[in-house]
Amino acid sequence: MNISRSQLESCVRIYREQSGKIRRDSEKEKPDKSGADSFILSAEAKELLQAIKSAGTEQDVREEKVAALREKINSGTYNIDGELVAEKMLEEHFGSAYI
């Protein structure tokens, strides 16, 4: 394949035009000239972050209930009601419209 000088110059010209456009577009996106990266959290992300922080600090485990369940499981007397499990699964899948 032969590439003529005019074809090469055309490619270089297009490249320069595109690279200049990319630089101008990227400069428009920067809110400040410090060069530091920044980001903005949505309201949902802020709420999730707060929930994660509070979940990590609060003790929500009921020790006496856990101990009673552990004892029933170890002794073999813990029985699961299949209908209740099925109801909860349907409720989670379809929401409160199921009930």
PDB file of N, CA and C in Angstrom:
ATOM      1  N   MET A   1       0.834  -1.165   0.000  1.00  0.00           N
ATOM      2  CA  MET A   1       0.000   0.000   0.000  1.00  0.00           C
ATOM      3  C   MET A   1       0.883   1.233   0.000  1.00  0.00           C
ATOM      4  N   ASN A   2       0.595   2.128  -0.868  1.00  0.00           N
ATOM      5  CA  ASN A   2       1.336   3.387  -0.945  1.00  0.00           C
ATOM      6  C   ASN A   2       0.507   4.508  -0.328  1.00  0.00           C
ATOM      7  N   ILE A   3       1.170   5.301   0.481  1.00  0.00           N
ATOM      8  CA  ILE A   3       0.509   6.462   1.080  1.00  0.00           C
ATOM      9  C   ILE A   3       1.199   7.695   0.547  1.00  0.00           C
ATOM     10  N   SER A   4       0.406   8.527  -0.073  1.00  0.00           N
ATOM     11  CA  SER A   4       0.992   9.747  -0.646  1.00  0.00           C
ATOM     12  C   SER A   4       1.197  10.795   0.452  1.00  0.00           C
ATOM     13  N   ARG A   5       1.996  11.772   0.133  1.00  0.00           N
ATOM     14  CA  ARG A   5       2.281  12.856   1.072  1.00  0.00           C
ATOM     15  C   ARG A   5       0.999  13.621   1.418  1.00  0.00           C
ATOM     16  N   SER A   6       0.132  13.843   0.459  1.00  0.00           N
ATOM     17  CA  SER A   6      -1.109  14.572   0.714  1.00  0.00           C
ATOM     18  C   SER A   6      -2.031  13.778   1.651  1.00  0.00           C
ATOM     19  N   GLN A   7      -2.045  12.450   1.497  1.00  0.00           N
ATOM     20  CA  GLN A   7      -2.847  11.628   2.401  1.00  0.00           C
ATOM     21  C   GLN A   7      -2.286  11.688   3.826  1.00  0.00           C
ATOM     22  N   LEU A   8      -0.984  11.634   3.950  1.00  0.00           N
ATOM     23  CA  LEU A   8      -0.336  11.709   5.249  1.00  0.00           C
ATOM     24  C   LEU A   8      -0.609  13.061   5.905  1.00  0.00           C
ATOM     25  N   GLU A   9      -0.467  14.136   5.145  1.00  0.00           N
ATOM     26  CA  GLU A   9      -0.727  15.471   5.681  1.00  0.00           C
ATOM     27  C   GLU A   9      -2.184  15.612   6.096  1.00  0.00           C
ATOM     28  N   SER A  10      -3.080  15.028   5.349  1.00  0.00           N
ATOM     29  CA  SER A  10      -4.504  15.063   5.677  1.00  0.00           C
ATOM     30  C   SER A  10      -4.765  14.346   7.011  1.00  0.00           C
ATOM     31  N   CYS A  11      -4.144  13.196   7.193  1.00  0.00           N
ATOM     32  CA  CYS A  11      -4.299  12.447   8.446  1.00  0.00           C
ATOM     33  C   CYS A  11      -3.744  13.232   9.627  1.00  0.00           C
ATOM     34  N   VAL A  12      -2.573  13.837   9.448  1.00  0.00           N
ATOM     35  CA  VAL A  12      -1.952  14.623  10.517  1.00  0.00           C
ATOM     36  C   VAL A  12      -2.824  15.826  10.859  1.00  0.00           C
ATOM     37  N   ARG A  13      -3.374  16.487   9.852  1.00  0.00           N
ATOM     38  CA  ARG A  13      -4.238  17.646  10.081  1.00  0.00           C
ATOM     39  C   ARG A  13      -5.479  17.249  10.869  1.00  0.00           C
ATOM     40  N   ILE A  14      -6.107  16.149  10.499  1.00  0.00           N
ATOM     41  CA  ILE A  14      -7.298  15.663  11.207  1.00  0.00           C
ATOM     42  C   ILE A  14      -6.942  15.305  12.643  1.00  0.00           C
ATOM     43  N   TYR A  15      -5.822  14.652  12.831  1.00  0.00           N
ATOM     44  CA  TYR A  15      -5.374  14.285  14.175  1.00  0.00           C
ATOM     45  C   TYR A  15      -5.182  15.525  15.037  1.00  0.00           C
ATOM     46  N   ARG A  16      -4.531  16.538  14.502  1.00  0.00           N
ATOM     47  CA  ARG A  16      -4.289  17.772  15.267  1.00  0.00           C
ATOM     48  C   ARG A  16      -5.606  18.457  15.622  1.00  0.00           C
ATOM     49  N   GLU A  17      -6.531  18.502  14.683  1.00  0.00           N
ATOM     50  CA  GLU A  17      -7.831  19.122  14.943  1.00  0.00           C
ATOM     51  C   GLU A  17      -8.574  18.373  16.053  1.00  0.00           C
ATOM     52  N   GLN A  18      -8.551  17.055  15.975  1.00  0.00           N
ATOM     53  CA  GLN A  18      -9.251  16.254  16.977  1.00  0.00           C
ATOM     54  C   GLN A  18      -8.589  16.365  18.349  1.00  0.00           C
ATOM     55  N   SER A  19      -7.270  16.356  18.398  1.00  0.00           N
ATOM     56  CA  SER A  19      -6.595  16.440  19.694  1.00  0.00           C
ATOM     57  C   SER A  19      -6.820  17.806  20.328  1.00  0.00           C
ATOM     58  N   GLY A  20      -6.869  18.858  19.523  1.00  0.00           N
ATOM     59  CA  GLY A  20      -7.176  20.188  20.058  1.00  0.00           C
ATOM     60  C   GLY A  20      -8.588  20.252  20.597  1.00  0.00           C
ATOM     61  N   LYS A  21      -9.515  19.614  19.898  1.00  0.00           N
ATOM     62  CA  LYS A  21     -10.912  19.594  20.336  1.00  0.00           C
ATOM     63  C   LYS A  21     -11.037  18.816  21.639  1.00  0.00           C
ATOM     64  N   ILE A  22     -10.332  17.719  21.744  1.00  0.00           N
ATOM     65  CA  ILE A  22     -10.377  16.915  22.971  1.00  0.00           C
ATOM     66  C   ILE A  22      -9.838  17.722  24.143  1.00  0.00           C
ATOM     67  N   ARG A  23      -8.734  18.437  23.946  1.00  0.00           N
ATOM     68  CA  ARG A  23      -8.173  19.269  25.013  1.00  0.00           C
ATOM     69  C   ARG A  23      -9.163  20.355  25.435  1.00  0.00           C
ATOM     70  N   ARG A  24      -9.777  21.010  24.459  1.00  0.00           N
ATOM     71  CA  ARG A  24     -10.739  22.077  24.788  1.00  0.00           C
ATOM     72  C   ARG A  24     -11.935  21.501  25.549  1.00  0.00           C
ATOM     73  N   ASP A  25     -12.437  20.337  25.136  1.00  0.00           N
ATOM     74  CA  ASP A  25     -13.567  19.718  25.818  1.00  0.00           C
ATOM     75  C   ASP A  25     -13.200  19.308  27.238  1.00  0.00           C
ATOM     76  N   SER A  26     -12.006  18.764  27.427  1.00  0.00           N
ATOM     77  CA  SER A  26     -11.610  18.346  28.769  1.00  0.00           C
ATOM     78  C   SER A  26     -11.389  19.548  29.680  1.00  0.00           C
ATOM     79  N   GLU A  27     -10.950  20.668  29.141  1.00  0.00           N
ATOM     80  CA  GLU A  27     -10.774  21.871  29.949  1.00  0.00           C
ATOM     81  C   GLU A  27     -12.121  22.428  30.382  1.00  0.00           C
ATOM     82  N   LYS A  28     -13.146  22.269  29.572  1.00  0.00           N
ATOM     83  CA  LYS A  28     -14.480  22.735  29.935  1.00  0.00           C
ATOM     84  C   LYS A  28     -15.039  21.922  31.097  1.00  0.00           C
ATOM     85  N   GLU A  29     -14.705  20.640  31.157  1.00  0.00           N
ATOM     86  CA  GLU A  29     -15.247  19.768  32.192  1.00  0.00           C
ATOM     87  C   GLU A  29     -14.650  20.044  33.556  1.00  0.00           C
ATOM     88  N   LYS A  30     -13.450  20.605  33.639  1.00  0.00           N
ATOM     89  CA  LYS A  30     -12.814  20.866  34.920  1.00  0.00           C
ATOM     90  C   LYS A  30     -13.459  22.078  35.582  1.00  0.00           C
ATOM     91  N   PRO A  31     -14.017  21.882  36.776  1.00  0.00           N
ATOM     92  CA  PRO A  31     -14.623  23.022  37.451  1.00  0.00           C
ATOM     93  C   PRO A  31     -13.598  23.972  38.046  1.00  0.00           C
ATOM     94  N   ASP A  32     -12.445  23.448  38.403  1.00  0.00           N
ATOM     95  CA  ASP A  32     -11.415  24.321  38.950  1.00  0.00           C
ATOM     96  C   ASP A  32     -10.099  24.045  38.249  1.00  0.00           C
ATOM     97  N   LYS A  33      -9.175  24.952  38.387  1.00  0.00           N
ATOM     98  CA  LYS A  33      -7.882  24.830  37.704  1.00  0.00           C
ATOM     99  C   LYS A  33      -6.830  24.144  38.564  1.00  0.00           C
ATOM    100  N   SER A  34      -7.214  23.652  39.739  1.00  0.00           N
ATOM    101  CA  SER A  34      -6.232  23.024  40.621  1.00  0.00           C
ATOM    102  C   SER A  34      -5.799  21.657  40.111  1.00  0.00           C
ATOM    103  N   GLY A  35      -6.595  21.058  39.248  1.00  0.00           N
ATOM    104  CA  GLY A  35      -6.249  19.752  38.704  1.00  0.00           C
ATOM    105  C   GLY A  35      -6.666  18.609  39.608  1.00  0.00           C
ATOM    106  N   ALA A  36      -7.276  18.916  40.760  1.00  0.00           N
ATOM    107  CA  ALA A  36      -7.696  17.877  41.679  1.00  0.00           C
ATOM    108  C   ALA A  36      -8.993  17.239  41.180  1.00  0.00           C
ATOM    109  N   ASP A  37      -9.100  15.936  41.379  1.00  0.00           N
ATOM    110  CA  ASP A  37     -10.322  15.233  41.017  1.00  0.00           C
ATOM    111  C   ASP A  37     -11.401  15.547  42.042  1.00  0.00           C
ATOM    112  N   SER A  38     -12.639  15.506  41.609  1.00  0.00           N
ATOM    113  CA  SER A  38     -13.746  15.724  42.522  1.00  0.00           C
ATOM    114  C   SER A  38     -14.924  14.874  42.087  1.00  0.00           C
ATOM    115  N   PHE A  39     -15.871  14.673  43.002  1.00  0.00           N
ATOM    116  CA  PHE A  39     -17.070  13.932  42.676  1.00  0.00           C
ATOM    117  C   PHE A  39     -18.213  14.456  43.533  1.00  0.00           C
ATOM    118  N   ILE A  40     -19.432  14.177  43.093  1.00  0.00           N
ATOM    119  CA  ILE A  40     -20.620  14.612  43.807  1.00  0.00           C
ATOM    120  C   ILE A  40     -21.483  13.384  44.063  1.00  0.00           C
ATOM    121  N   LEU A  41     -21.881  13.189  45.318  1.00  0.00           N
ATOM    122  CA  LEU A  41     -22.732  12.061  45.665  1.00  0.00           C
ATOM    123  C   LEU A  41     -24.196  12.437  45.514  1.00  0.00           C
ATOM    124  N   SER A  42     -24.980  11.505  44.998  1.00  0.00           N
ATOM    125  CA  SER A  42     -26.414  11.732  44.889  1.00  0.00           C
ATOM    126  C   SER A  42     -27.039  11.618  46.279  1.00  0.00           C
ATOM    127  N   ALA A  43     -28.281  12.038  46.389  1.00  0.00           N
ATOM    128  CA  ALA A  43     -28.985  11.963  47.672  1.00  0.00           C
ATOM    129  C   ALA A  43     -29.116  10.503  48.121  1.00  0.00           C
ATOM    130  N   GLU A  44     -29.361   9.600  47.170  1.00  0.00           N
ATOM    131  CA  GLU A  44     -29.490   8.181  47.501  1.00  0.00           C
ATOM    132  C   GLU A  44     -28.173   7.621  48.016  1.00  0.00           C
ATOM    133  N   ALA A  45     -27.068   8.030  47.405  1.00  0.00           N
ATOM    134  CA  ALA A  45     -25.761   7.553  47.842  1.00  0.00           C
ATOM    135  C   ALA A  45     -25.441   8.073  49.239  1.00  0.00           C
ATOM    136  N   LYS A  46     -25.799   9.328  49.518  1.00  0.00           N
ATOM    137  CA  LYS A  46     -25.567   9.880  50.859  1.00  0.00           C
ATOM    138  C   LYS A  46     -26.388   9.133  51.898  1.00  0.00           C
ATOM    139  N   GLU A  47     -27.627   8.810  51.558  1.00  0.00           N
ATOM    140  CA  GLU A  47     -28.487   8.069  52.479  1.00  0.00           C
ATOM    141  C   GLU A  47     -27.933   6.672  52.733  1.00  0.00           C
ATOM    142  N   LEU A  48     -27.453   6.006  51.680  1.00  0.00           N
ATOM    143  CA  LEU A  48     -26.874   4.680  51.824  1.00  0.00           C
ATOM    144  C   LEU A  48     -25.612   4.723  52.672  1.00  0.00           C
ATOM    145  N   LEU A  49     -24.783   5.722  52.457  1.00  0.00           N
ATOM    146  CA  LEU A  49     -23.562   5.875  53.245  1.00  0.00           C
ATOM    147  C   LEU A  49     -23.888   6.066  54.718  1.00  0.00           C
ATOM    148  N   GLN A  50     -24.895   6.879  55.006  1.00  0.00           N
ATOM    149  CA  GLN A  50     -25.311   7.096  56.391  1.00  0.00           C
ATOM    150  C   GLN A  50     -25.825   5.805  57.012  1.00  0.00           C
ATOM    151  N   ALA A  51     -26.592   5.025  56.245  1.00  0.00           N
ATOM    152  CA  ALA A  51     -27.123   3.755  56.742  1.00  0.00           C
ATOM    153  C   ALA A  51     -25.995   2.767  57.037  1.00  0.00           C
ATOM    154  N   ILE A  52     -25.000   2.734  56.181  1.00  0.00           N
ATOM    155  CA  ILE A  52     -23.861   1.828  56.393  1.00  0.00           C
ATOM    156  C   ILE A  52     -23.097   2.229  57.650  1.00  0.00           C
ATOM    157  N   LYS A  53     -22.897   3.529  57.827  1.00  0.00           N
ATOM    158  CA  LYS A  53     -22.181   4.000  59.013  1.00  0.00           C
ATOM    159  C   LYS A  53     -22.949   3.664  60.283  1.00  0.00           C
ATOM    160  N   SER A  54     -24.261   3.900  60.283  1.00  0.00           N
ATOM    161  CA  SER A  54     -25.047   3.636  61.487  1.00  0.00           C
ATOM    162  C   SER A  54     -25.168   2.137  61.753  1.00  0.00           C
ATOM    163  N   ALA A  55     -25.220   1.324  60.714  1.00  0.00           N
ATOM    164  CA  ALA A  55     -25.310  -0.125  60.897  1.00  0.00           C
ATOM    165  C   ALA A  55     -24.031  -0.673  61.518  1.00  0.00           C
ATOM    166  N   GLY A  56     -22.915  -0.059  61.196  1.00  0.00           N
ATOM    167  CA  GLY A  56     -21.646  -0.520  61.743  1.00  0.00           C
ATOM    168  C   GLY A  56     -21.437  -0.130  63.183  1.00  0.00           C
ATOM    169  N   THR A  57     -22.129   0.886  63.657  1.00  0.00           N
ATOM    170  CA  THR A  57     -21.904   1.365  65.016  1.00  0.00           C
ATOM    171  C   THR A  57     -22.945   0.878  66.007  1.00  0.00           C
ATOM    172  N   GLU A  58     -24.143   0.558  65.552  1.00  0.00           N
ATOM    173  CA  GLU A  58     -25.208   0.167  66.461  1.00  0.00           C
ATOM    174  C   GLU A  58     -25.227  -1.341  66.665  1.00  0.00           C
ATOM    175  N   GLN A  59     -25.577  -1.736  67.879  1.00  0.00           N
ATOM    176  CA  GLN A  59     -25.696  -3.148  68.215  1.00  0.00           C
ATOM    177  C   GLN A  59     -27.157  -3.533  68.062  1.00  0.00           C
ATOM    178  N   ASP A  60     -27.497  -4.282  67.011  1.00  0.00           N
ATOM    179  CA  ASP A  60     -28.887  -4.632  66.740  1.00  0.00           C
ATOM    180  C   ASP A  60     -29.147  -6.115  66.961  1.00  0.00           C
ATOM    181  N   VAL A  61     -28.229  -6.806  67.606  1.00  0.00           N
ATOM    182  CA  VAL A  61     -28.373  -8.241  67.825  1.00  0.00           C
ATOM    183  C   VAL A  61     -28.998  -8.456  69.203  1.00  0.00           C
ATOM    184  N   ARG A  62     -30.073  -9.234  69.216  1.00  0.00           N
ATOM    185  CA  ARG A  62     -30.717  -9.570  70.490  1.00  0.00           C
ATOM    186  C   ARG A  62     -30.097 -10.870  70.984  1.00  0.00           C
ATOM    187  N   GLU A  63     -29.155 -10.727  71.903  1.00  0.00           N
ATOM    188  CA  GLU A  63     -28.351 -11.860  72.368  1.00  0.00           C
ATOM    189  C   GLU A  63     -29.196 -12.986  72.955  1.00  0.00           C
ATOM    190  N   GLU A  64     -30.232 -12.638  73.736  1.00  0.00           N
ATOM    191  CA  GLU A  64     -31.031 -13.684  74.370  1.00  0.00           C
ATOM    192  C   GLU A  64     -31.806 -14.503  73.333  1.00  0.00           C
ATOM    193  N   LYS A  65     -32.275 -13.845  72.271  1.00  0.00           N
ATOM    194  CA  LYS A  65     -33.005 -14.567  71.226  1.00  0.00           C
ATOM    195  C   LYS A  65     -32.057 -15.470  70.436  1.00  0.00           C
ATOM    196  N   VAL A  66     -30.866 -14.971  70.158  1.00  0.00           N
ATOM    197  CA  VAL A  66     -29.864 -15.772  69.451  1.00  0.00           C
ATOM    198  C   VAL A  66     -29.484 -16.990  70.273  1.00  0.00           C
ATOM    199  N   ALA A  67     -29.293 -16.798  71.585  1.00  0.00           N
ATOM    200  CA  ALA A  67     -28.926 -17.912  72.456  1.00  0.00           C
ATOM    201  C   ALA A  67     -30.034 -18.959  72.499  1.00  0.00           C
ATOM    202  N   ALA A  68     -31.298 -18.519  72.564  1.00  0.00           N
ATOM    203  CA  ALA A  68     -32.419 -19.461  72.605  1.00  0.00           C
ATOM    204  C   ALA A  68     -32.517 -20.249  71.299  1.00  0.00           C
ATOM    205  N   LEU A  69     -32.351 -19.555  70.160  1.00  0.00           N
ATOM    206  CA  LEU A  69     -32.383 -20.250  68.876  1.00  0.00           C
ATOM    207  C   LEU A  69     -31.220 -21.220  68.731  1.00  0.00           C
ATOM    208  N   ARG A  70     -30.043 -20.815  69.169  1.00  0.00           N
ATOM    209  CA  ARG A  70     -28.864 -21.695  69.091  1.00  0.00           C
ATOM    210  C   ARG A  70     -29.091 -22.963  69.909  1.00  0.00           C
ATOM    211  N   GLU A  71     -29.696 -22.801  71.089  1.00  0.00           N
ATOM    212  CA  GLU A  71     -29.967 -23.956  71.950  1.00  0.00           C
ATOM    213  C   GLU A  71     -30.963 -24.909  71.295  1.00  0.00           C
ATOM    214  N   LYS A  72     -32.032 -24.348  70.689  1.00  0.00           N
ATOM    215  CA  LYS A  72     -33.021 -25.194  70.004  1.00  0.00           C
ATOM    216  C   LYS A  72     -32.408 -25.937  68.825  1.00  0.00           C
ATOM    217  N   ILE A  73     -31.555 -25.245  68.053  1.00  0.00           N
ATOM    218  CA  ILE A  73     -30.917 -25.878  66.892  1.00  0.00           C
ATOM    219  C   ILE A  73     -30.005 -27.003  67.343  1.00  0.00           C
ATOM    220  N   ASN A  74     -29.189 -26.752  68.375  1.00  0.00           N
ATOM    221  CA  ASN A  74     -28.260 -27.768  68.861  1.00  0.00           C
ATOM    222  C   ASN A  74     -28.978 -28.974  69.448  1.00  0.00           C
ATOM    223  N   SER A  75     -30.127 -28.746  70.069  1.00  0.00           N
ATOM    224  CA  SER A  75     -30.858 -29.866  70.673  1.00  0.00           C
ATOM    225  C   SER A  75     -31.759 -30.579  69.662  1.00  0.00           C
ATOM    226  N   GLY A  76     -31.953 -29.979  68.480  1.00  0.00           N
ATOM    227  CA  GLY A  76     -32.767 -30.609  67.447  1.00  0.00           C
ATOM    228  C   GLY A  76     -34.250 -30.330  67.589  1.00  0.00           C
ATOM    229  N   THR A  77     -34.623 -29.361  68.414  1.00  0.00           N
ATOM    230  CA  THR A  77     -36.042 -29.055  68.625  1.00  0.00           C
ATOM    231  C   THR A  77     -36.510 -27.845  67.825  1.00  0.00           C
ATOM    232  N   TYR A  78     -35.645 -27.258  67.020  1.00  0.00           N
ATOM    233  CA  TYR A  78     -36.025 -26.072  66.243  1.00  0.00           C
ATOM    234  C   TYR A  78     -36.716 -26.524  64.967  1.00  0.00           C
ATOM    235  N   ASN A  79     -37.973 -26.118  64.806  1.00  0.00           N
ATOM    236  CA  ASN A  79     -38.753 -26.484  63.635  1.00  0.00           C
ATOM    237  C   ASN A  79     -39.115 -25.221  62.859  1.00  0.00           C
ATOM    238  N   ILE A  80     -39.018 -25.322  61.558  1.00  0.00           N
ATOM    239  CA  ILE A  80     -39.347 -24.193  60.687  1.00  0.00           C
ATOM    240  C   ILE A  80     -40.704 -24.451  60.069  1.00  0.00           C
ATOM    241  N   ASP A  81     -41.595 -23.463  60.166  1.00  0.00           N
ATOM    242  CA  ASP A  81     -42.920 -23.569  59.556  1.00  0.00           C
ATOM    243  C   ASP A  81     -42.782 -23.217  58.073  1.00  0.00           C
ATOM    244  N   GLY A  82     -42.948 -24.192  57.221  1.00  0.00           N
ATOM    245  CA  GLY A  82     -42.781 -24.006  55.782  1.00  0.00           C
ATOM    246  C   GLY A  82     -43.743 -22.996  55.192  1.00  0.00           C
ATOM    247  N   GLU A  83     -44.965 -22.947  55.728  1.00  0.00           N
ATOM    248  CA  GLU A  83     -45.946 -21.985  55.221  1.00  0.00           C
ATOM    249  C   GLU A  83     -45.507 -20.551  55.503  1.00  0.00           C
ATOM    250  N   LEU A  84     -44.976 -20.319  56.693  1.00  0.00           N
ATOM    251  CA  LEU A  84     -44.497 -18.968  57.027  1.00  0.00           C
ATOM    252  C   LEU A  84     -43.322 -18.563  56.134  1.00  0.00           C
ATOM    253  N   VAL A  85     -42.440 -19.502  55.861  1.00  0.00           N
ATOM    254  CA  VAL A  85     -41.309 -19.219  54.982  1.00  0.00           C
ATOM    255  C   VAL A  85     -41.806 -18.870  53.585  1.00  0.00           C
ATOM    256  N   ALA A  86     -42.770 -19.667  53.093  1.00  0.00           N
ATOM    257  CA  ALA A  86     -43.317 -19.421  51.759  1.00  0.00           C
ATOM    258  C   ALA A  86     -44.015 -18.069  51.698  1.00  0.00           C
ATOM    259  N   GLU A  87     -44.783 -17.737  52.743  1.00  0.00           N
ATOM    260  CA  GLU A  87     -45.455 -16.439  52.784  1.00  0.00           C
ATOM    261  C   GLU A  87     -44.456 -15.286  52.747  1.00  0.00           C
ATOM    262  N   LYS A  88     -43.391 -15.399  53.521  1.00  0.00           N
ATOM    263  CA  LYS A  88     -42.373 -14.340  53.540  1.00  0.00           C
ATOM    264  C   LYS A  88     -41.685 -14.213  52.186  1.00  0.00           C
ATOM    265  N   MET A  89     -41.436 -15.348  51.536  1.00  0.00           N
ATOM    266  CA  MET A  89     -40.799 -15.303  50.219  1.00  0.00           C
ATOM    267  C   MET A  89     -41.700 -14.614  49.206  1.00  0.00           C
ATOM    268  N   LEU A  90     -42.981 -14.950  49.218  1.00  0.00           N
ATOM    269  CA  LEU A  90     -43.929 -14.321  48.303  1.00  0.00           C
ATOM    270  C   LEU A  90     -44.077 -12.835  48.611  1.00  0.00           C
ATOM    271  N   GLU A  91     -44.101 -12.509  49.887  1.00  0.00           N
ATOM    272  CA  GLU A  91     -44.214 -11.111  50.293  1.00  0.00           C
ATOM    273  C   GLU A  91     -43.008 -10.301  49.826  1.00  0.00           C
ATOM    274  N   GLU A  92     -41.823 -10.869  49.956  1.00  0.00           N
ATOM    275  CA  GLU A  92     -40.613 -10.177  49.501  1.00  0.00           C
ATOM    276  C   GLU A  92     -40.600 -10.019  47.998  1.00  0.00           C
ATOM    277  N   HIS A  93     -41.066 -11.028  47.290  1.00  0.00           N
ATOM    278  CA  HIS A  93     -41.042 -10.984  45.832  1.00  0.00           C
ATOM    279  C   HIS A  93     -42.111 -10.056  45.257  1.00  0.00           C
ATOM    280  N   PHE A  94     -43.326 -10.183  45.771  1.00  0.00           N
ATOM    281  CA  PHE A  94     -44.438  -9.397  45.215  1.00  0.00           C
ATOM    282  C   PHE A  94     -44.739  -8.140  46.010  1.00  0.00           C
ATOM    283  N   GLY A  95     -44.136  -7.974  47.163  1.00  0.00           N
ATOM    284  CA  GLY A  95     -44.403  -6.808  47.997  1.00  0.00           C
ATOM    285  C   GLY A  95     -45.663  -6.996  48.810  1.00  0.00           C
ATOM    286  N   SER A  96     -46.141  -5.911  49.367  1.00  0.00           N
ATOM    287  CA  SER A  96     -47.319  -5.999  50.224  1.00  0.00           C
ATOM    288  C   SER A  96     -48.597  -6.246  49.429  1.00  0.00           C
ATOM    289  N   ALA A  97     -48.540  -6.206  48.100  1.00  0.00           N
ATOM    290  CA  ALA A  97     -49.719  -6.474  47.263  1.00  0.00           C
ATOM    291  C   ALA A  97     -50.165  -7.917  47.403  1.00  0.00           C
ATOM    292  N   TYR A  98     -49.238  -8.801  47.785  1.00  0.00           N
ATOM    293  CA  TYR A  98     -49.562 -10.222  47.932  1.00  0.00           C
ATOM    294  C   TYR A  98     -50.516 -10.450  49.105  1.00  0.00           C
ATOM    295  N   ILE A  99     -50.313  -9.726  50.170  1.00  0.00           N
ATOM    296  CA  ILE A  99     -51.060  -9.959  51.422  1.00  0.00           C
ATOM    297  C   ILE A  99     -52.461  -9.553  51.305  1.00  0.00           C
TER     298      ILE A  99
END
